[in-house]
């Protein structure tokens, strides 16, 4: 965002992809960066990577004027997942996630397909706490997520 408060979506996308080069490799971002952007298309793309631990903070920073819409979309997608308190398998192999994102699989879809819903919930808790720290206008969106989601430390409560 410029000093005068104006927001240029194209410039924000360029800066975000420069700061986070792996984003430029994701198919949806390649398309947006090369063909131009529509706000809804950008919000969808940002929603796909918002929960990624390495991307949340720069994403919130560069897209502050539209971050509430991104968070609302992420919350909506997470509500569609259903029960987030269970997990069938756990793996912290980051390369598997990176490969999936490079193939165009969204962060949420990746964890749902692997049956790692609790890990998805934990990623959401981390991303939401980071986003809330940077933008205090998000509590309504985030609280709507926790109305249906398990507590942040569900894994500890289960054991």
N, C-alpha and C. Protein backbone atom coordinates (compact mmCIF):
# COMPACT_ATOMS: atom_id res chain seq x y z
N UNK A 1 0.84 -1.16 0.00
CA UNK A 1 0.00 0.00 0.00
C UNK A 1 0.90 1.23 0.00
N UNK A 2 0.50 2.21 -0.76
CA UNK A 2 1.28 3.44 -0.87
C UNK A 2 1.06 4.33 0.36
N UNK A 3 1.92 5.32 0.49
CA UNK A 3 1.83 6.25 1.61
C UNK A 3 0.48 6.96 1.63
N UNK A 4 -0.06 7.25 0.44
CA UNK A 4 -1.34 7.96 0.37
C UNK A 4 -2.54 7.05 0.63
N UNK A 5 -2.30 5.78 0.90
CA UNK A 5 -3.39 4.85 1.22
C UNK A 5 -3.95 4.12 0.02
N UNK A 6 -3.45 4.42 -1.17
CA UNK A 6 -3.95 3.72 -2.35
C UNK A 6 -3.39 2.30 -2.40
N UNK A 7 -4.11 1.43 -3.04
CA UNK A 7 -3.72 0.03 -3.12
C UNK A 7 -3.71 -0.39 -4.58
N UNK A 8 -2.60 -0.95 -5.02
CA UNK A 8 -2.47 -1.43 -6.38
C UNK A 8 -2.30 -2.94 -6.33
N UNK A 9 -3.33 -3.66 -6.78
CA UNK A 9 -3.34 -5.11 -6.69
C UNK A 9 -2.21 -5.74 -7.49
N UNK A 10 -1.96 -5.24 -8.68
CA UNK A 10 -0.89 -5.79 -9.51
C UNK A 10 0.47 -5.62 -8.84
N UNK A 11 0.71 -4.44 -8.30
CA UNK A 11 1.97 -4.18 -7.60
C UNK A 11 2.11 -5.08 -6.35
N UNK A 12 1.03 -5.25 -5.63
CA UNK A 12 1.06 -6.12 -4.44
C UNK A 12 1.38 -7.56 -4.84
N UNK A 13 0.79 -8.03 -5.94
CA UNK A 13 1.09 -9.38 -6.43
C UNK A 13 2.56 -9.53 -6.81
N UNK A 14 3.08 -8.53 -7.50
CA UNK A 14 4.48 -8.58 -7.92
C UNK A 14 5.41 -8.60 -6.71
N UNK A 15 5.14 -7.74 -5.75
CA UNK A 15 5.99 -7.69 -4.55
C UNK A 15 5.89 -8.98 -3.74
N UNK A 16 4.69 -9.51 -3.63
CA UNK A 16 4.49 -10.77 -2.89
C UNK A 16 5.26 -11.91 -3.56
N UNK A 17 5.20 -11.98 -4.88
CA UNK A 17 5.91 -13.06 -5.58
C UNK A 17 7.43 -12.85 -5.55
N UNK A 18 7.88 -11.60 -5.47
CA UNK A 18 9.33 -11.35 -5.31
C UNK A 18 9.79 -11.76 -3.92
N UNK A 19 9.00 -11.45 -2.91
CA UNK A 19 9.35 -11.78 -1.53
C UNK A 19 9.25 -13.28 -1.27
N UNK A 20 8.29 -13.93 -1.93
CA UNK A 20 8.05 -15.37 -1.76
C UNK A 20 8.13 -16.03 -3.13
N UNK A 21 9.33 -16.30 -3.62
CA UNK A 21 9.49 -16.81 -4.99
C UNK A 21 8.74 -18.11 -5.26
N UNK A 22 8.54 -18.94 -4.24
CA UNK A 22 7.84 -20.20 -4.47
C UNK A 22 6.40 -19.97 -4.94
N UNK A 23 5.82 -18.82 -4.58
CA UNK A 23 4.45 -18.51 -4.99
C UNK A 23 4.36 -18.40 -6.51
N UNK A 24 5.36 -17.81 -7.12
CA UNK A 24 5.35 -17.62 -8.58
C UNK A 24 5.34 -18.95 -9.32
N UNK A 25 5.74 -20.03 -8.66
CA UNK A 25 5.75 -21.35 -9.30
C UNK A 25 4.38 -22.02 -9.26
N UNK A 26 3.49 -21.57 -8.40
CA UNK A 26 2.18 -22.19 -8.30
C UNK A 26 1.37 -21.84 -9.55
N UNK A 27 0.72 -22.82 -10.18
CA UNK A 27 0.01 -22.59 -11.45
C UNK A 27 -0.96 -21.41 -11.44
N UNK A 28 -1.76 -21.29 -10.40
CA UNK A 28 -2.74 -20.21 -10.37
C UNK A 28 -2.06 -18.85 -10.33
N UNK A 29 -0.97 -18.74 -9.59
CA UNK A 29 -0.25 -17.47 -9.52
C UNK A 29 0.47 -17.18 -10.83
N UNK A 30 0.99 -18.20 -11.49
CA UNK A 30 1.62 -17.99 -12.80
C UNK A 30 0.62 -17.34 -13.74
N UNK A 31 -0.58 -17.89 -13.76
CA UNK A 31 -1.63 -17.39 -14.64
C UNK A 31 -1.99 -15.94 -14.30
N UNK A 32 -2.16 -15.66 -13.03
CA UNK A 32 -2.54 -14.31 -12.61
C UNK A 32 -1.43 -13.31 -12.92
N UNK A 33 -0.18 -13.69 -12.65
CA UNK A 33 0.94 -12.78 -12.89
C UNK A 33 1.14 -12.50 -14.37
N UNK A 34 0.87 -13.48 -15.22
CA UNK A 34 1.12 -13.28 -16.65
C UNK A 34 -0.08 -12.69 -17.39
N UNK A 35 -1.31 -13.01 -16.96
CA UNK A 35 -2.49 -12.58 -17.70
C UNK A 35 -3.23 -11.41 -17.09
N UNK A 36 -2.79 -10.92 -15.98
CA UNK A 36 -3.54 -9.87 -15.30
C UNK A 36 -4.39 -10.48 -14.21
N UNK A 37 -5.12 -9.62 -13.52
CA UNK A 37 -5.83 -10.12 -12.35
C UNK A 37 -7.21 -9.50 -12.21
N UNK A 38 -8.11 -10.29 -11.72
CA UNK A 38 -9.41 -9.84 -11.25
C UNK A 38 -9.37 -10.00 -9.74
N UNK A 39 -9.99 -9.12 -9.02
CA UNK A 39 -9.91 -9.15 -7.56
C UNK A 39 -10.37 -10.50 -7.01
N UNK A 40 -11.48 -11.03 -7.49
CA UNK A 40 -11.99 -12.31 -6.97
C UNK A 40 -11.02 -13.46 -7.29
N UNK A 41 -10.42 -13.41 -8.45
CA UNK A 41 -9.45 -14.43 -8.84
C UNK A 41 -8.23 -14.39 -7.90
N UNK A 42 -7.79 -13.20 -7.58
CA UNK A 42 -6.65 -13.03 -6.67
C UNK A 42 -7.03 -13.51 -5.27
N UNK A 43 -8.22 -13.17 -4.81
CA UNK A 43 -8.66 -13.62 -3.49
C UNK A 43 -8.70 -15.14 -3.43
N UNK A 44 -9.18 -15.77 -4.48
CA UNK A 44 -9.20 -17.24 -4.52
C UNK A 44 -7.78 -17.81 -4.45
N UNK A 45 -6.87 -17.21 -5.20
CA UNK A 45 -5.48 -17.69 -5.20
C UNK A 45 -4.83 -17.49 -3.84
N UNK A 46 -5.05 -16.34 -3.24
CA UNK A 46 -4.48 -16.06 -1.92
C UNK A 46 -5.07 -16.99 -0.87
N UNK A 47 -6.34 -17.31 -1.01
CA UNK A 47 -6.99 -18.23 -0.07
C UNK A 47 -6.37 -19.62 -0.13
N UNK A 48 -5.90 -20.00 -1.30
CA UNK A 48 -5.27 -21.32 -1.46
C UNK A 48 -3.97 -21.44 -0.68
N UNK A 49 -3.28 -20.33 -0.46
CA UNK A 49 -1.96 -20.40 0.20
C UNK A 49 -1.91 -19.68 1.55
N UNK A 50 -3.00 -19.07 1.97
CA UNK A 50 -3.02 -18.29 3.21
C UNK A 50 -2.55 -19.11 4.42
N UNK A 51 -2.91 -20.37 4.49
CA UNK A 51 -2.58 -21.20 5.65
C UNK A 51 -1.14 -21.71 5.64
N UNK A 52 -0.43 -21.51 4.55
CA UNK A 52 0.96 -21.98 4.48
C UNK A 52 1.79 -21.17 5.49
N UNK A 53 2.49 -21.85 6.41
CA UNK A 53 3.20 -21.14 7.48
C UNK A 53 4.22 -20.11 7.01
N UNK A 54 4.83 -20.32 5.86
CA UNK A 54 5.83 -19.38 5.37
C UNK A 54 5.22 -18.20 4.61
N UNK A 55 3.94 -18.29 4.27
CA UNK A 55 3.34 -17.27 3.41
C UNK A 55 2.34 -16.36 4.11
N UNK A 56 1.84 -16.75 5.26
CA UNK A 56 0.78 -15.98 5.92
C UNK A 56 1.19 -14.54 6.20
N UNK A 57 2.32 -14.35 6.85
CA UNK A 57 2.73 -12.99 7.25
C UNK A 57 2.97 -12.09 6.04
N UNK A 58 3.76 -12.51 5.04
CA UNK A 58 3.91 -11.61 3.88
C UNK A 58 2.60 -11.39 3.13
N UNK A 59 1.74 -12.40 3.09
CA UNK A 59 0.46 -12.26 2.41
C UNK A 59 -0.38 -11.18 3.10
N UNK A 60 -0.47 -11.24 4.41
CA UNK A 60 -1.23 -10.22 5.14
C UNK A 60 -0.61 -8.85 4.92
N UNK A 61 0.70 -8.78 4.95
CA UNK A 61 1.40 -7.49 4.78
C UNK A 61 1.10 -6.86 3.42
N UNK A 62 1.23 -7.62 2.35
CA UNK A 62 1.06 -7.05 1.01
C UNK A 62 -0.39 -6.85 0.61
N UNK A 63 -1.30 -7.59 1.21
CA UNK A 63 -2.70 -7.52 0.80
C UNK A 63 -3.62 -7.04 1.93
N UNK A 64 -3.10 -6.18 2.77
CA UNK A 64 -3.85 -5.69 3.93
C UNK A 64 -5.24 -5.15 3.57
N UNK A 65 -5.40 -4.37 2.50
CA UNK A 65 -6.73 -3.84 2.19
C UNK A 65 -7.78 -4.90 1.82
N UNK A 66 -7.35 -6.08 1.38
CA UNK A 66 -8.32 -7.12 1.01
C UNK A 66 -8.19 -8.37 1.89
N UNK A 67 -7.40 -8.29 2.96
CA UNK A 67 -7.14 -9.50 3.75
C UNK A 67 -8.40 -10.03 4.44
N UNK A 68 -9.32 -9.16 4.80
CA UNK A 68 -10.55 -9.64 5.44
C UNK A 68 -11.33 -10.53 4.48
N UNK A 69 -11.36 -10.17 3.22
CA UNK A 69 -12.06 -10.99 2.22
C UNK A 69 -11.36 -12.33 2.04
N UNK A 70 -10.03 -12.31 2.09
CA UNK A 70 -9.26 -13.56 1.98
C UNK A 70 -9.56 -14.46 3.18
N UNK A 71 -9.51 -13.90 4.37
CA UNK A 71 -9.77 -14.68 5.59
C UNK A 71 -11.20 -15.21 5.58
N UNK A 72 -12.16 -14.40 5.17
CA UNK A 72 -13.55 -14.87 5.08
C UNK A 72 -13.66 -16.06 4.15
N UNK A 73 -12.96 -16.00 3.04
CA UNK A 73 -12.99 -17.12 2.07
C UNK A 73 -12.35 -18.36 2.69
N UNK A 74 -11.22 -18.21 3.36
CA UNK A 74 -10.55 -19.35 4.00
C UNK A 74 -11.46 -19.97 5.05
N UNK A 75 -12.09 -19.15 5.86
CA UNK A 75 -13.00 -19.66 6.89
C UNK A 75 -14.14 -20.43 6.24
N UNK A 76 -14.69 -19.90 5.16
CA UNK A 76 -15.75 -20.60 4.43
C UNK A 76 -15.29 -21.95 3.91
N UNK A 77 -14.09 -21.99 3.36
CA UNK A 77 -13.55 -23.26 2.85
C UNK A 77 -13.33 -24.26 3.99
N UNK A 78 -12.83 -23.78 5.12
CA UNK A 78 -12.60 -24.67 6.26
C UNK A 78 -13.91 -25.20 6.83
N UNK A 79 -14.96 -24.41 6.80
CA UNK A 79 -16.26 -24.89 7.26
C UNK A 79 -16.78 -26.02 6.37
N UNK A 80 -16.42 -26.00 5.11
CA UNK A 80 -16.84 -27.06 4.19
C UNK A 80 -16.13 -28.38 4.45
N UNK A 81 -14.98 -28.32 5.10
CA UNK A 81 -14.19 -29.53 5.36
C UNK A 81 -14.91 -30.47 6.32
N UNK A 82 -15.62 -29.92 7.27
CA UNK A 82 -16.31 -30.77 8.25
C UNK A 82 -15.47 -30.95 9.50
N UNK A 83 -15.43 -32.17 10.01
CA UNK A 83 -14.75 -32.47 11.28
C UNK A 83 -13.24 -32.25 11.16
N UNK A 84 -12.75 -31.27 11.90
CA UNK A 84 -11.33 -30.95 11.86
C UNK A 84 -10.57 -31.53 13.05
N UNK A 85 -11.23 -32.35 13.85
CA UNK A 85 -10.57 -32.85 15.05
C UNK A 85 -9.95 -34.23 14.87
N UNK A 86 -10.02 -34.78 13.66
CA UNK A 86 -9.47 -36.12 13.45
C UNK A 86 -8.34 -36.09 12.42
N UNK A 87 -7.47 -37.06 12.54
CA UNK A 87 -6.38 -37.22 11.59
C UNK A 87 -6.07 -38.69 11.44
N UNK A 88 -5.79 -39.09 10.21
CA UNK A 88 -5.49 -40.51 9.99
C UNK A 88 -4.00 -40.77 9.89
N UNK A 89 -3.24 -39.76 9.52
CA UNK A 89 -1.81 -39.97 9.31
C UNK A 89 -1.11 -38.64 9.59
N UNK A 90 0.11 -38.72 10.06
CA UNK A 90 0.85 -37.49 10.30
C UNK A 90 2.21 -37.60 9.65
N UNK A 91 2.56 -36.57 8.90
CA UNK A 91 3.88 -36.50 8.28
C UNK A 91 4.27 -35.03 8.24
N UNK A 92 5.48 -34.75 8.64
CA UNK A 92 5.93 -33.36 8.58
C UNK A 92 6.90 -33.14 7.42
N UNK A 93 6.78 -33.96 6.38
CA UNK A 93 7.64 -33.85 5.21
C UNK A 93 7.17 -32.65 4.37
N UNK A 94 7.86 -31.55 4.48
CA UNK A 94 7.48 -30.30 3.82
C UNK A 94 7.58 -30.43 2.30
N UNK A 95 8.48 -31.25 1.80
CA UNK A 95 8.66 -31.37 0.35
C UNK A 95 7.41 -31.92 -0.33
N UNK A 96 6.67 -32.79 0.35
CA UNK A 96 5.44 -33.34 -0.21
C UNK A 96 4.42 -32.21 -0.40
N UNK A 97 4.30 -31.35 0.58
CA UNK A 97 3.39 -30.21 0.48
C UNK A 97 3.82 -29.28 -0.64
N UNK A 98 5.09 -28.96 -0.71
CA UNK A 98 5.59 -28.05 -1.76
C UNK A 98 5.33 -28.62 -3.15
N UNK A 99 5.55 -29.91 -3.32
CA UNK A 99 5.29 -30.54 -4.62
C UNK A 99 3.81 -30.45 -4.98
N UNK A 100 2.95 -30.68 -4.00
CA UNK A 100 1.51 -30.60 -4.26
C UNK A 100 1.10 -29.19 -4.65
N UNK A 101 1.63 -28.20 -3.95
CA UNK A 101 1.31 -26.81 -4.27
C UNK A 101 1.81 -26.44 -5.66
N UNK A 102 2.97 -26.95 -6.04
CA UNK A 102 3.50 -26.70 -7.38
C UNK A 102 2.64 -27.34 -8.46
N UNK A 103 1.90 -28.38 -8.10
CA UNK A 103 1.01 -29.04 -9.05
C UNK A 103 -0.37 -28.39 -9.08
N UNK A 104 -0.58 -27.38 -8.26
CA UNK A 104 -1.85 -26.66 -8.28
C UNK A 104 -2.85 -27.11 -7.23
N UNK A 105 -2.45 -27.96 -6.30
CA UNK A 105 -3.35 -28.40 -5.23
C UNK A 105 -3.34 -27.34 -4.13
N UNK A 106 -4.51 -26.93 -3.68
CA UNK A 106 -4.57 -25.92 -2.62
C UNK A 106 -4.11 -26.52 -1.30
N UNK A 107 -3.70 -25.66 -0.39
CA UNK A 107 -3.21 -26.07 0.92
C UNK A 107 -4.28 -26.88 1.65
N UNK A 108 -5.52 -26.40 1.61
CA UNK A 108 -6.62 -27.09 2.30
C UNK A 108 -6.88 -28.45 1.67
N UNK A 109 -6.96 -28.50 0.34
CA UNK A 109 -7.20 -29.78 -0.35
C UNK A 109 -6.11 -30.79 -0.05
N UNK A 110 -4.88 -30.33 0.04
CA UNK A 110 -3.76 -31.23 0.31
C UNK A 110 -3.98 -31.97 1.63
N UNK A 111 -4.28 -31.24 2.68
CA UNK A 111 -4.46 -31.88 3.99
C UNK A 111 -5.73 -32.72 4.05
N UNK A 112 -6.80 -32.28 3.40
CA UNK A 112 -8.04 -33.05 3.42
C UNK A 112 -7.85 -34.38 2.69
N UNK A 113 -7.20 -34.36 1.54
CA UNK A 113 -6.97 -35.59 0.77
C UNK A 113 -6.13 -36.59 1.54
N UNK A 114 -5.23 -36.10 2.36
CA UNK A 114 -4.36 -36.99 3.14
C UNK A 114 -5.00 -37.40 4.46
N UNK A 115 -6.18 -36.90 4.74
CA UNK A 115 -6.84 -37.23 5.99
C UNK A 115 -6.23 -36.54 7.20
N UNK A 116 -5.50 -35.47 6.97
CA UNK A 116 -4.81 -34.76 8.05
C UNK A 116 -5.59 -33.50 8.44
N UNK A 117 -6.81 -33.71 8.86
CA UNK A 117 -7.68 -32.58 9.19
C UNK A 117 -7.23 -31.85 10.45
N UNK A 118 -6.72 -32.57 11.42
CA UNK A 118 -6.24 -31.91 12.64
C UNK A 118 -5.02 -31.04 12.34
N UNK A 119 -4.13 -31.51 11.47
CA UNK A 119 -2.98 -30.71 11.06
C UNK A 119 -3.44 -29.45 10.32
N UNK A 120 -4.48 -29.60 9.51
CA UNK A 120 -5.06 -28.45 8.80
C UNK A 120 -5.59 -27.44 9.82
N UNK A 121 -6.29 -27.93 10.82
CA UNK A 121 -6.82 -27.05 11.88
C UNK A 121 -5.69 -26.34 12.61
N UNK A 122 -4.62 -27.05 12.91
CA UNK A 122 -3.48 -26.44 13.60
C UNK A 122 -2.82 -25.37 12.73
N UNK A 123 -2.73 -25.63 11.43
CA UNK A 123 -2.20 -24.63 10.50
C UNK A 123 -3.11 -23.40 10.47
N UNK A 124 -4.41 -23.63 10.50
CA UNK A 124 -5.36 -22.52 10.50
C UNK A 124 -5.21 -21.69 11.78
N UNK A 125 -5.06 -22.35 12.91
CA UNK A 125 -4.89 -21.63 14.19
C UNK A 125 -3.64 -20.75 14.13
N UNK A 126 -2.55 -21.29 13.61
CA UNK A 126 -1.31 -20.53 13.50
C UNK A 126 -1.48 -19.35 12.54
N UNK A 127 -2.05 -19.60 11.38
CA UNK A 127 -2.24 -18.53 10.39
C UNK A 127 -3.16 -17.44 10.92
N UNK A 128 -4.25 -17.84 11.57
CA UNK A 128 -5.18 -16.84 12.09
C UNK A 128 -4.54 -16.00 13.20
N UNK A 129 -3.73 -16.63 14.04
CA UNK A 129 -3.08 -15.85 15.11
C UNK A 129 -2.09 -14.85 14.52
N UNK A 130 -1.38 -15.26 13.48
CA UNK A 130 -0.44 -14.34 12.83
C UNK A 130 -1.18 -13.20 12.14
N UNK A 131 -2.25 -13.54 11.44
CA UNK A 131 -3.02 -12.52 10.72
C UNK A 131 -3.67 -11.53 11.69
N UNK A 132 -4.19 -12.04 12.79
CA UNK A 132 -4.83 -11.19 13.79
C UNK A 132 -3.83 -10.24 14.43
N UNK A 133 -2.62 -10.70 14.61
CA UNK A 133 -1.58 -9.84 15.17
C UNK A 133 -1.28 -8.66 14.24
N UNK A 134 -1.38 -8.88 12.93
CA UNK A 134 -1.06 -7.84 11.96
C UNK A 134 -2.26 -6.98 11.57
N UNK A 135 -3.47 -7.50 11.78
CA UNK A 135 -4.67 -6.77 11.39
C UNK A 135 -5.77 -7.04 12.41
N UNK A 136 -6.07 -6.04 13.20
CA UNK A 136 -7.04 -6.23 14.29
C UNK A 136 -8.49 -6.16 13.84
N UNK A 137 -8.75 -6.05 12.55
CA UNK A 137 -10.13 -6.02 12.06
C UNK A 137 -10.66 -7.43 11.75
N UNK A 138 -9.89 -8.45 12.04
CA UNK A 138 -10.26 -9.81 11.67
C UNK A 138 -10.97 -10.66 12.73
N UNK A 139 -11.16 -10.20 13.96
CA UNK A 139 -11.74 -11.10 14.96
C UNK A 139 -13.09 -11.70 14.58
N UNK A 140 -13.95 -10.94 13.93
CA UNK A 140 -15.27 -11.48 13.55
C UNK A 140 -15.15 -12.69 12.66
N UNK A 141 -14.30 -12.60 11.65
CA UNK A 141 -14.10 -13.72 10.73
C UNK A 141 -13.51 -14.92 11.44
N UNK A 142 -12.51 -14.66 12.26
CA UNK A 142 -11.80 -15.75 12.94
C UNK A 142 -12.69 -16.39 13.99
N UNK A 143 -13.46 -15.59 14.71
CA UNK A 143 -14.38 -16.15 15.71
C UNK A 143 -15.44 -17.02 15.06
N UNK A 144 -15.87 -16.66 13.85
CA UNK A 144 -16.86 -17.50 13.16
C UNK A 144 -16.26 -18.87 12.83
N UNK A 145 -14.96 -18.91 12.60
CA UNK A 145 -14.29 -20.20 12.37
C UNK A 145 -14.35 -21.06 13.64
N UNK A 146 -14.03 -20.45 14.78
CA UNK A 146 -13.96 -21.22 16.03
C UNK A 146 -15.32 -21.60 16.60
N UNK A 147 -16.40 -21.06 16.05
CA UNK A 147 -17.73 -21.51 16.48
C UNK A 147 -17.96 -22.97 16.10
N UNK A 148 -17.34 -23.39 15.00
CA UNK A 148 -17.53 -24.77 14.52
C UNK A 148 -16.27 -25.62 14.64
N UNK A 149 -15.14 -25.01 14.91
CA UNK A 149 -13.86 -25.73 14.94
C UNK A 149 -13.54 -26.19 16.36
N UNK A 150 -12.69 -27.21 16.47
CA UNK A 150 -12.26 -27.65 17.80
C UNK A 150 -11.33 -26.62 18.43
N UNK A 151 -11.02 -26.79 19.72
CA UNK A 151 -10.08 -25.88 20.38
C UNK A 151 -8.71 -25.93 19.70
N UNK A 152 -7.92 -24.87 19.82
CA UNK A 152 -6.60 -24.84 19.18
C UNK A 152 -5.68 -25.99 19.59
N UNK A 153 -5.82 -26.46 20.82
CA UNK A 153 -4.92 -27.52 21.30
C UNK A 153 -5.63 -28.87 21.37
N UNK A 154 -6.42 -29.17 20.38
CA UNK A 154 -7.19 -30.41 20.34
C UNK A 154 -6.29 -31.64 20.49
N UNK A 155 -5.13 -31.62 19.88
CA UNK A 155 -4.22 -32.77 19.92
C UNK A 155 -3.83 -33.10 21.37
N UNK A 156 -3.60 -32.09 22.18
CA UNK A 156 -3.22 -32.30 23.58
C UNK A 156 -4.41 -32.83 24.37
N UNK A 157 -5.60 -32.33 24.08
CA UNK A 157 -6.80 -32.75 24.80
C UNK A 157 -7.15 -34.20 24.52
N UNK A 158 -6.85 -34.67 23.31
CA UNK A 158 -7.19 -36.04 22.91
C UNK A 158 -6.30 -37.05 23.59
N UNK A 159 -5.03 -36.71 23.80
CA UNK A 159 -4.08 -37.67 24.36
C UNK A 159 -4.25 -37.89 25.80
